[in-house]
């Protein structure tokens, strides 16, 4: 995603500060899928594609907040998965992150807090805070971030070799194994305008991930529609599994 050079340098600095924490997260959460560094990269790719394709264009400040949120939103998982969005805000409130508040200023930092807080599925999007400044439309940035996060359901998020070892050693519960295998059936997600197009191998095996994404889209679209913004549609495509990816 295109940012100004100053904003790009700032994001790189913030990412460098928190990367050691993101690398710890996968080992800190034994259940479900990755919430660490690779997840942040995947969400950033999704945001790039959504912002590029969506008919309503994002402002420079909105793109900055979306990009920073990809790096920071799951830091609270270091402590615990439950209410990790609130734990992230608490971590960022410490003096070691004063530079973040100083550089962004109060309005943009409030926007960052709002996006991070609202990324959790436990948060009611019907109560989006007021915009902290004219440059930030939370009714747009929060749904875009929720969608980008929800779209990280592809095979990039799990490693089949790791799954095999965890299952063999009885280190992954059945629900988690079901989720992992569902992700492995989705090669990629394409964004074409307002169409979200998962590229799937087997619709039956991918059913769990597609259902979760469909549920999230209903929540997101309700907010977008309320504010007269274009809504998204889910349009899965069946693709052939390459020889290298066949069981």
C-alpha atoms as a PDB file:
ATOM      1  CA  UNK A   1       0.000   0.000   0.000  1.00  0.00           C
ATOM      2  CA  UNK A   2       1.352   3.409  -0.967  1.00  0.00           C
ATOM      3  CA  UNK A   3       2.254   5.738   1.900  1.00  0.00           C
ATOM      4  CA  UNK A   4       4.275   8.930   2.032  1.00  0.00           C
ATOM      5  CA  UNK A   5       7.977   8.393   2.724  1.00  0.00           C
ATOM      6  CA  UNK A   6       7.609   9.845   6.241  1.00  0.00           C
ATOM      7  CA  UNK A   7       4.684   7.555   7.057  1.00  0.00           C
ATOM      8  CA  UNK A   8       6.460   4.555   5.534  1.00  0.00           C
ATOM      9  CA  UNK A   9       9.563   5.213   7.654  1.00  0.00           C
ATOM     10  CA  UNK A  10       7.441   5.555  10.786  1.00  0.00           C
ATOM     11  CA  UNK A  11       5.612   2.272  10.142  1.00  0.00           C
ATOM     12  CA  UNK A  12       8.935   0.478   9.595  1.00  0.00           C
ATOM     13  CA  UNK A  13      10.238   1.889  12.883  1.00  0.00           C
ATOM     14  CA  UNK A  14       7.131   0.758  14.805  1.00  0.00           C
ATOM     15  CA  UNK A  15       7.275  -2.686  13.170  1.00  0.00           C
ATOM     16  CA  UNK A  16      10.929  -3.028  14.130  1.00  0.00           C
ATOM     17  CA  UNK A  17      10.057  -2.211  17.753  1.00  0.00           C
ATOM     18  CA  UNK A  18       7.320  -4.837  18.073  1.00  0.00           C
ATOM     19  CA  UNK A  19       8.633  -7.617  15.800  1.00  0.00           C
ATOM     20  CA  UNK A  20      10.218  -9.513  18.746  1.00  0.00           C
ATOM     21  CA  UNK A  21       6.761  -9.601  20.366  1.00  0.00           C
ATOM     22  CA  UNK A  22       5.071 -10.774  17.164  1.00  0.00           C
ATOM     23  CA  UNK A  23       7.556 -13.620  16.797  1.00  0.00           C
ATOM     24  CA  UNK A  24       6.709 -14.757  20.321  1.00  0.00           C
ATOM     25  CA  UNK A  25       2.950 -14.812  19.812  1.00  0.00           C
ATOM     26  CA  UNK A  26       2.662 -18.115  17.863  1.00  0.00           C
ATOM     27  CA  UNK A  27       4.324 -19.998  20.714  1.00  0.00           C
ATOM     28  CA  UNK A  28       2.269 -18.114  23.280  1.00  0.00           C
ATOM     29  CA  UNK A  29      -1.060 -19.307  21.868  1.00  0.00           C
ATOM     30  CA  UNK A  30      -1.388 -23.077  21.517  1.00  0.00           C
ATOM     31  CA  UNK A  31      -4.864 -23.070  19.972  1.00  0.00           C
ATOM     32  CA  UNK A  32      -6.075 -22.182  16.503  1.00  0.00           C
ATOM     33  CA  UNK A  33      -3.851 -20.363  14.012  1.00  0.00           C
ATOM     34  CA  UNK A  34      -1.014 -17.866  13.830  1.00  0.00           C
ATOM     35  CA  UNK A  35      -1.507 -14.404  15.341  1.00  0.00           C
ATOM     36  CA  UNK A  36       2.126 -13.338  14.977  1.00  0.00           C
ATOM     37  CA  UNK A  37       4.365 -11.766  12.382  1.00  0.00           C
ATOM     38  CA  UNK A  38       3.111 -13.736   9.361  1.00  0.00           C
ATOM     39  CA  UNK A  39      -0.504 -12.941  10.258  1.00  0.00           C
ATOM     40  CA  UNK A  40       0.345  -9.226  10.294  1.00  0.00           C
ATOM     41  CA  UNK A  41       1.940  -9.519   6.850  1.00  0.00           C
ATOM     42  CA  UNK A  42      -1.096 -11.354   5.493  1.00  0.00           C
ATOM     43  CA  UNK A  43      -3.498  -8.734   6.897  1.00  0.00           C
ATOM     44  CA  UNK A  44      -1.369  -5.982   5.361  1.00  0.00           C
ATOM     45  CA  UNK A  45      -1.633  -7.675   1.949  1.00  0.00           C
ATOM     46  CA  UNK A  46      -5.401  -7.871   2.363  1.00  0.00           C
ATOM     47  CA  UNK A  47      -5.647  -4.197   3.316  1.00  0.00           C
ATOM     48  CA  UNK A  48      -3.553  -3.243   0.284  1.00  0.00           C
ATOM     49  CA  UNK A  49      -5.930  -5.129  -2.016  1.00  0.00           C
ATOM     50  CA  UNK A  50      -9.142  -3.906  -0.372  1.00  0.00           C
ATOM     51  CA  UNK A  51      -8.079  -0.254  -0.267  1.00  0.00           C
ATOM     52  CA  UNK A  52      -6.959  -0.430  -3.904  1.00  0.00           C
ATOM     53  CA  UNK A  53     -10.211  -2.007  -5.130  1.00  0.00           C
ATOM     54  CA  UNK A  54     -12.843  -0.384  -2.914  1.00  0.00           C
ATOM     55  CA  UNK A  55     -14.854   2.363  -4.699  1.00  0.00           C
ATOM     56  CA  UNK A  56     -14.510   4.778  -1.753  1.00  0.00           C
ATOM     57  CA  UNK A  57     -10.882   5.840  -1.598  1.00  0.00           C
ATOM     58  CA  UNK A  58      -9.002   6.016   1.703  1.00  0.00           C
ATOM     59  CA  UNK A  59      -7.195   9.164   2.800  1.00  0.00           C
ATOM     60  CA  UNK A  60      -3.455   9.117   3.554  1.00  0.00           C
ATOM     61  CA  UNK A  61      -4.086   9.276   7.314  1.00  0.00           C
ATOM     62  CA  UNK A  62      -6.557   6.394   7.103  1.00  0.00           C
ATOM     63  CA  UNK A  63      -4.011   4.265   5.242  1.00  0.00           C
ATOM     64  CA  UNK A  64      -1.436   5.052   7.933  1.00  0.00           C
ATOM     65  CA  UNK A  65      -3.795   3.950  10.725  1.00  0.00           C
ATOM     66  CA  UNK A  66      -4.751   0.789   8.828  1.00  0.00           C
ATOM     67  CA  UNK A  67      -1.084  -0.087   8.266  1.00  0.00           C
ATOM     68  CA  UNK A  68      -0.093   0.528  11.880  1.00  0.00           C
ATOM     69  CA  UNK A  69      -3.052  -1.550  13.035  1.00  0.00           C
ATOM     70  CA  UNK A  70      -1.793  -4.565  11.081  1.00  0.00           C
ATOM     71  CA  UNK A  71       1.432  -4.479  13.068  1.00  0.00           C
ATOM     72  CA  UNK A  72      -0.067  -3.781  16.482  1.00  0.00           C
ATOM     73  CA  UNK A  73      -3.576  -5.247  16.701  1.00  0.00           C
ATOM     74  CA  UNK A  74      -2.721  -8.687  18.150  1.00  0.00           C
ATOM     75  CA  UNK A  75       0.047  -7.755  20.601  1.00  0.00           C
ATOM     76  CA  UNK A  76      -2.295  -8.548  23.491  1.00  0.00           C
ATOM     77  CA  UNK A  77      -2.179 -12.226  22.505  1.00  0.00           C
ATOM     78  CA  UNK A  78       1.178 -12.376  24.272  1.00  0.00           C
ATOM     79  CA  UNK A  79      -0.803 -12.304  27.502  1.00  0.00           C
ATOM     80  CA  UNK A  80      -3.967 -14.199  26.563  1.00  0.00           C
ATOM     81  CA  UNK A  81      -6.250 -14.701  23.581  1.00  0.00           C
ATOM     82  CA  UNK A  82      -9.388 -13.627  25.457  1.00  0.00           C
ATOM     83  CA  UNK A  83      -9.937  -9.848  25.213  1.00  0.00           C
ATOM     84  CA  UNK A  84      -6.572  -9.511  23.492  1.00  0.00           C
ATOM     85  CA  UNK A  85      -7.746  -6.288  21.821  1.00  0.00           C
ATOM     86  CA  UNK A  86      -8.090  -4.635  25.233  1.00  0.00           C
ATOM     87  CA  UNK A  87      -4.758  -6.079  26.337  1.00  0.00           C
ATOM     88  CA  UNK A  88      -3.136  -4.566  23.246  1.00  0.00           C
ATOM     89  CA  UNK A  89      -4.397  -1.105  24.208  1.00  0.00           C
ATOM     90  CA  UNK A  90      -3.018  -1.616  27.706  1.00  0.00           C
ATOM     91  CA  UNK A  91       0.409  -2.626  26.342  1.00  0.00           C
ATOM     92  CA  UNK A  92       0.486   0.442  24.089  1.00  0.00           C
ATOM     93  CA  UNK A  93      -0.445   2.718  27.007  1.00  0.00           C
ATOM     94  CA  UNK A  94       2.939   2.141  28.663  1.00  0.00           C
ATOM     95  CA  UNK A  95       5.668   4.777  28.519  1.00  0.00           C
ATOM     96  CA  UNK A  96       7.763   2.701  26.089  1.00  0.00           C
ATOM     97  CA  UNK A  97       5.185   3.605  23.429  1.00  0.00           C
ATOM     98  CA  UNK A  98       5.079   7.329  24.200  1.00  0.00           C
ATOM     99  CA  UNK A  99       6.810   7.891  20.858  1.00  0.00           C
ATOM    100  CA  UNK A 100       3.730   6.476  19.123  1.00  0.00           C
ATOM    101  CA  UNK A 101       1.369   8.942  20.813  1.00  0.00           C
ATOM    102  CA  UNK A 102       3.781  11.846  20.317  1.00  0.00           C
ATOM    103  CA  UNK A 103       4.285  11.167  16.614  1.00  0.00           C
ATOM    104  CA  UNK A 104       0.642  10.508  15.778  1.00  0.00           C
ATOM    105  CA  UNK A 105      -0.926  13.179  17.986  1.00  0.00           C
ATOM    106  CA  UNK A 106      -4.105  12.679  20.000  1.00  0.00           C
ATOM    107  CA  UNK A 107      -6.676  12.441  17.149  1.00  0.00           C
ATOM    108  CA  UNK A 108      -4.761   9.838  15.108  1.00  0.00           C
ATOM    109  CA  UNK A 109      -3.810   7.855  18.204  1.00  0.00           C
ATOM    110  CA  UNK A 110      -7.491   7.755  19.213  1.00  0.00           C
ATOM    111  CA  UNK A 111      -8.265   6.429  15.734  1.00  0.00           C
ATOM    112  CA  UNK A 112      -5.592   3.739  16.135  1.00  0.00           C
ATOM    113  CA  UNK A 113      -7.063   2.705  19.486  1.00  0.00           C
ATOM    114  CA  UNK A 114     -10.554   2.567  17.962  1.00  0.00           C
ATOM    115  CA  UNK A 115      -9.487   0.320  15.060  1.00  0.00           C
ATOM    116  CA  UNK A 116      -7.498  -2.037  17.308  1.00  0.00           C
ATOM    117  CA  UNK A 117     -10.317  -2.269  19.852  1.00  0.00           C
ATOM    118  CA  UNK A 118     -12.984  -2.892  17.210  1.00  0.00           C
ATOM    119  CA  UNK A 119     -11.081  -5.632  15.343  1.00  0.00           C
ATOM    120  CA  UNK A 120     -12.292  -8.239  17.822  1.00  0.00           C
ATOM    121  CA  UNK A 121     -15.422 -10.143  16.884  1.00  0.00           C
ATOM    122  CA  UNK A 122     -16.637  -9.587  20.455  1.00  0.00           C
ATOM    123  CA  UNK A 123     -17.016  -5.841  19.785  1.00  0.00           C
ATOM    124  CA  UNK A 124     -20.399  -4.492  18.650  1.00  0.00           C
ATOM    125  CA  UNK A 125     -19.749  -2.499  15.472  1.00  0.00           C
ATOM    126  CA  UNK A 126     -23.061  -0.745  15.951  1.00  0.00           C
ATOM    127  CA  UNK A 127     -21.294   1.502  18.460  1.00  0.00           C
ATOM    128  CA  UNK A 128     -18.432   2.898  16.388  1.00  0.00           C
ATOM    129  CA  UNK A 129     -16.955   5.990  18.112  1.00  0.00           C
ATOM    130  CA  UNK A 130     -17.233   9.436  16.572  1.00  0.00           C
ATOM    131  CA  UNK A 131     -14.513  10.338  14.073  1.00  0.00           C
ATOM    132  CA  UNK A 132     -11.557  11.850  15.998  1.00  0.00           C
ATOM    133  CA  UNK A 133     -10.681  14.217  13.132  1.00  0.00           C
ATOM    134  CA  UNK A 134     -11.889  15.031   9.584  1.00  0.00           C
ATOM    135  CA  UNK A 135      -9.106  12.935   8.010  1.00  0.00           C
ATOM    136  CA  UNK A 136     -10.300   9.691   9.626  1.00  0.00           C
ATOM    137  CA  UNK A 137     -13.661   8.033   8.882  1.00  0.00           C
ATOM    138  CA  UNK A 138     -13.967   5.260  11.440  1.00  0.00           C
ATOM    139  CA  UNK A 139     -17.145   3.998   9.768  1.00  0.00           C
ATOM    140  CA  UNK A 140     -14.875   3.147   6.817  1.00  0.00           C
ATOM    141  CA  UNK A 141     -11.521   2.237   8.396  1.00  0.00           C
ATOM    142  CA  UNK A 142     -12.924  -0.099  11.066  1.00  0.00           C
ATOM    143  CA  UNK A 143     -14.950  -2.257   8.625  1.00  0.00           C
ATOM    144  CA  UNK A 144     -12.008  -2.384   6.188  1.00  0.00           C
ATOM    145  CA  UNK A 145      -9.681  -3.570   8.923  1.00  0.00           C
ATOM    146  CA  UNK A 146     -12.183  -6.116  10.229  1.00  0.00           C
ATOM    147  CA  UNK A 147     -12.546  -7.480   6.696  1.00  0.00           C
ATOM    148  CA  UNK A 148      -8.789  -7.631   6.058  1.00  0.00           C
ATOM    149  CA  UNK A 149      -8.286  -9.497   9.334  1.00  0.00           C
ATOM    150  CA  UNK A 150     -11.158 -11.886   8.595  1.00  0.00           C
ATOM    151  CA  UNK A 151      -9.744 -12.640   5.138  1.00  0.00           C
ATOM    152  CA  UNK A 152      -6.596 -14.194   6.582  1.00  0.00           C
ATOM    153  CA  UNK A 153      -8.067 -17.668   6.240  1.00  0.00           C
ATOM    154  CA  UNK A 154      -5.904 -19.053   3.442  1.00  0.00           C
ATOM    155  CA  UNK A 155      -3.261 -21.764   3.426  1.00  0.00           C
ATOM    156  CA  UNK A 156      -0.655 -19.018   3.980  1.00  0.00           C
ATOM    157  CA  UNK A 157      -1.777 -18.877   7.597  1.00  0.00           C
ATOM    158  CA  UNK A 158      -0.975 -22.501   8.452  1.00  0.00           C
ATOM    159  CA  UNK A 159       1.898 -24.823   7.677  1.00  0.00           C
ATOM    160  CA  UNK A 160       0.888 -28.359   6.694  1.00  0.00           C
ATOM    161  CA  UNK A 161       4.106 -29.900   8.029  1.00  0.00           C
ATOM    162  CA  UNK A 162       3.527 -28.250  11.415  1.00  0.00           C
ATOM    163  CA  UNK A 163      -0.085 -29.459  11.399  1.00  0.00           C
ATOM    164  CA  UNK A 164       1.026 -33.038  10.724  1.00  0.00           C
ATOM    165  CA  UNK A 165       3.513 -33.001  13.597  1.00  0.00           C
ATOM    166  CA  UNK A 166       1.080 -31.423  16.055  1.00  0.00           C
ATOM    167  CA  UNK A 167      -1.592 -33.992  15.185  1.00  0.00           C
ATOM    168  CA  UNK A 168       0.860 -36.909  15.422  1.00  0.00           C
ATOM    169  CA  UNK A 169       1.978 -35.713  18.862  1.00  0.00           C
ATOM    170  CA  UNK A 170      -1.612 -35.086  19.991  1.00  0.00           C
ATOM    171  CA  UNK A 171      -0.852 -31.387  20.626  1.00  0.00           C
ATOM    172  CA  UNK A 172      -3.788 -29.945  18.692  1.00  0.00           C
ATOM    173  CA  UNK A 173      -7.396 -30.349  19.766  1.00  0.00           C
ATOM    174  CA  UNK A 174      -9.981 -31.551  17.248  1.00  0.00           C
ATOM    175  CA  UNK A 175     -11.593 -28.153  16.733  1.00  0.00           C
ATOM    176  CA  UNK A 176      -8.236 -26.554  16.030  1.00  0.00           C
ATOM    177  CA  UNK A 177      -7.309 -29.330  13.604  1.00  0.00           C
ATOM    178  CA  UNK A 178     -10.633 -28.817  11.797  1.00  0.00           C
ATOM    179  CA  UNK A 179      -9.917 -25.076  11.452  1.00  0.00           C
ATOM    180  CA  UNK A 180      -6.365 -25.642  10.216  1.00  0.00           C
ATOM    181  CA  UNK A 181      -7.501 -28.134   7.582  1.00  0.00           C
ATOM    182  CA  UNK A 182     -10.199 -25.725   6.436  1.00  0.00           C
ATOM    183  CA  UNK A 183      -7.568 -23.013   5.868  1.00  0.00           C
ATOM    184  CA  UNK A 184      -5.471 -25.422   3.811  1.00  0.00           C
ATOM    185  CA  UNK A 185      -8.340 -25.700   1.305  1.00  0.00           C
ATOM    186  CA  UNK A 186      -8.175 -21.981   0.421  1.00  0.00           C
ATOM    187  CA  UNK A 187      -5.347 -21.095  -1.936  1.00  0.00           C
ATOM    188  CA  UNK A 188      -5.824 -17.328  -1.908  1.00  0.00           C
ATOM    189  CA  UNK A 189      -8.402 -14.558  -1.630  1.00  0.00           C
ATOM    190  CA  UNK A 190      -8.812 -12.128  -4.502  1.00  0.00           C
ATOM    191  CA  UNK A 191     -10.509  -8.743  -4.210  1.00  0.00           C
ATOM    192  CA  UNK A 192     -12.272  -7.472  -7.313  1.00  0.00           C
ATOM    193  CA  UNK A 193     -14.099  -4.241  -6.621  1.00  0.00           C
ATOM    194  CA  UNK A 194     -16.456  -5.142  -3.774  1.00  0.00           C
ATOM    195  CA  UNK A 195     -16.269  -8.873  -4.511  1.00  0.00           C
ATOM    196  CA  UNK A 196     -14.327 -11.053  -2.071  1.00  0.00           C
ATOM    197  CA  UNK A 197     -13.314 -14.125  -4.066  1.00  0.00           C
ATOM    198  CA  UNK A 198     -11.766 -17.009  -2.080  1.00  0.00           C
ATOM    199  CA  UNK A 199      -9.938 -19.424  -4.388  1.00  0.00           C
ATOM    200  CA  UNK A 200     -10.866 -22.794  -2.906  1.00  0.00           C
ATOM    201  CA  UNK A 201      -9.981 -26.395  -3.679  1.00  0.00           C
ATOM    202  CA  UNK A 202     -12.802 -28.213  -1.915  1.00  0.00           C
ATOM    203  CA  UNK A 203     -15.922 -26.304  -0.860  1.00  0.00           C
ATOM    204  CA  UNK A 204     -16.931 -28.946   1.682  1.00  0.00           C
ATOM    205  CA  UNK A 205     -13.560 -28.973   3.442  1.00  0.00           C
ATOM    206  CA  UNK A 206     -13.313 -25.168   3.313  1.00  0.00           C
ATOM    207  CA  UNK A 207     -16.845 -24.763   4.689  1.00  0.00           C
ATOM    208  CA  UNK A 208     -15.823 -23.682   8.209  1.00  0.00           C
ATOM    209  CA  UNK A 209     -13.568 -20.832   7.038  1.00  0.00           C
ATOM    210  CA  UNK A 210     -16.058 -19.653   4.425  1.00  0.00           C
ATOM    211  CA  UNK A 211     -18.883 -19.625   6.976  1.00  0.00           C
ATOM    212  CA  UNK A 212     -16.817 -17.532   9.412  1.00  0.00           C
ATOM    213  CA  UNK A 213     -15.970 -15.055   6.654  1.00  0.00           C
ATOM    214  CA  UNK A 214     -19.614 -14.907   5.571  1.00  0.00           C
ATOM    215  CA  UNK A 215     -20.699 -14.167   9.151  1.00  0.00           C
ATOM    216  CA  UNK A 216     -18.125 -11.379   9.422  1.00  0.00           C
ATOM    217  CA  UNK A 217     -19.233  -9.875   6.115  1.00  0.00           C
ATOM    218  CA  UNK A 218     -22.802  -9.647   7.382  1.00  0.00           C
ATOM    219  CA  UNK A 219     -21.603  -7.621  10.373  1.00  0.00           C
ATOM    220  CA  UNK A 220     -19.354  -5.408   8.237  1.00  0.00           C
ATOM    221  CA  UNK A 221     -21.970  -4.825   5.537  1.00  0.00           C
ATOM    222  CA  UNK A 222     -24.552  -3.777   8.098  1.00  0.00           C
ATOM    223  CA  UNK A 223     -22.277  -0.915   9.169  1.00  0.00           C
ATOM    224  CA  UNK A 224     -21.316   0.069   5.627  1.00  0.00           C
ATOM    225  CA  UNK A 225     -24.955   0.070   4.536  1.00  0.00           C
ATOM    226  CA  UNK A 226     -25.950   2.165   7.536  1.00  0.00           C
ATOM    227  CA  UNK A 227     -23.509   4.843   6.381  1.00  0.00           C
ATOM    228  CA  UNK A 228     -24.441   4.551   2.683  1.00  0.00           C
ATOM    229  CA  UNK A 229     -21.134   2.919   1.744  1.00  0.00           C
ATOM    230  CA  UNK A 230     -20.799   0.098  -0.840  1.00  0.00           C
ATOM    231  CA  UNK A 231     -21.141  -3.378   0.663  1.00  0.00           C
ATOM    232  CA  UNK A 232     -19.064  -6.470  -0.104  1.00  0.00           C
ATOM    233  CA  UNK A 233     -20.182  -9.783  -1.577  1.00  0.00           C
ATOM    234  CA  UNK A 234     -18.637 -13.222  -1.087  1.00  0.00           C
ATOM    235  CA  UNK A 235     -18.025 -15.037  -4.392  1.00  0.00           C
ATOM    236  CA  UNK A 236     -15.927 -18.219  -3.925  1.00  0.00           C
ATOM    237  CA  UNK A 237     -14.219 -19.735  -6.964  1.00  0.00           C
ATOM    238  CA  UNK A 238     -13.324 -23.426  -7.252  1.00  0.00           C
ATOM    239  CA  UNK A 239      -9.743 -23.837  -8.475  1.00  0.00           C
ATOM    240  CA  UNK A 240      -7.678 -26.897  -9.270  1.00  0.00           C
ATOM    241  CA  UNK A 241      -5.115 -27.926  -6.727  1.00  0.00           C
ATOM    242  CA  UNK A 242      -1.623 -27.812  -8.213  1.00  0.00           C
ATOM    243  CA  UNK A 243       0.411 -31.007  -8.369  1.00  0.00           C
ATOM    244  CA  UNK A 244       2.697 -29.738  -5.613  1.00  0.00           C
ATOM    245  CA  UNK A 245      -0.270 -29.184  -3.282  1.00  0.00           C
ATOM    246  CA  UNK A 246      -2.097 -32.458  -3.873  1.00  0.00           C
ATOM    247  CA  UNK A 247      -2.318 -34.817  -0.876  1.00  0.00           C
END
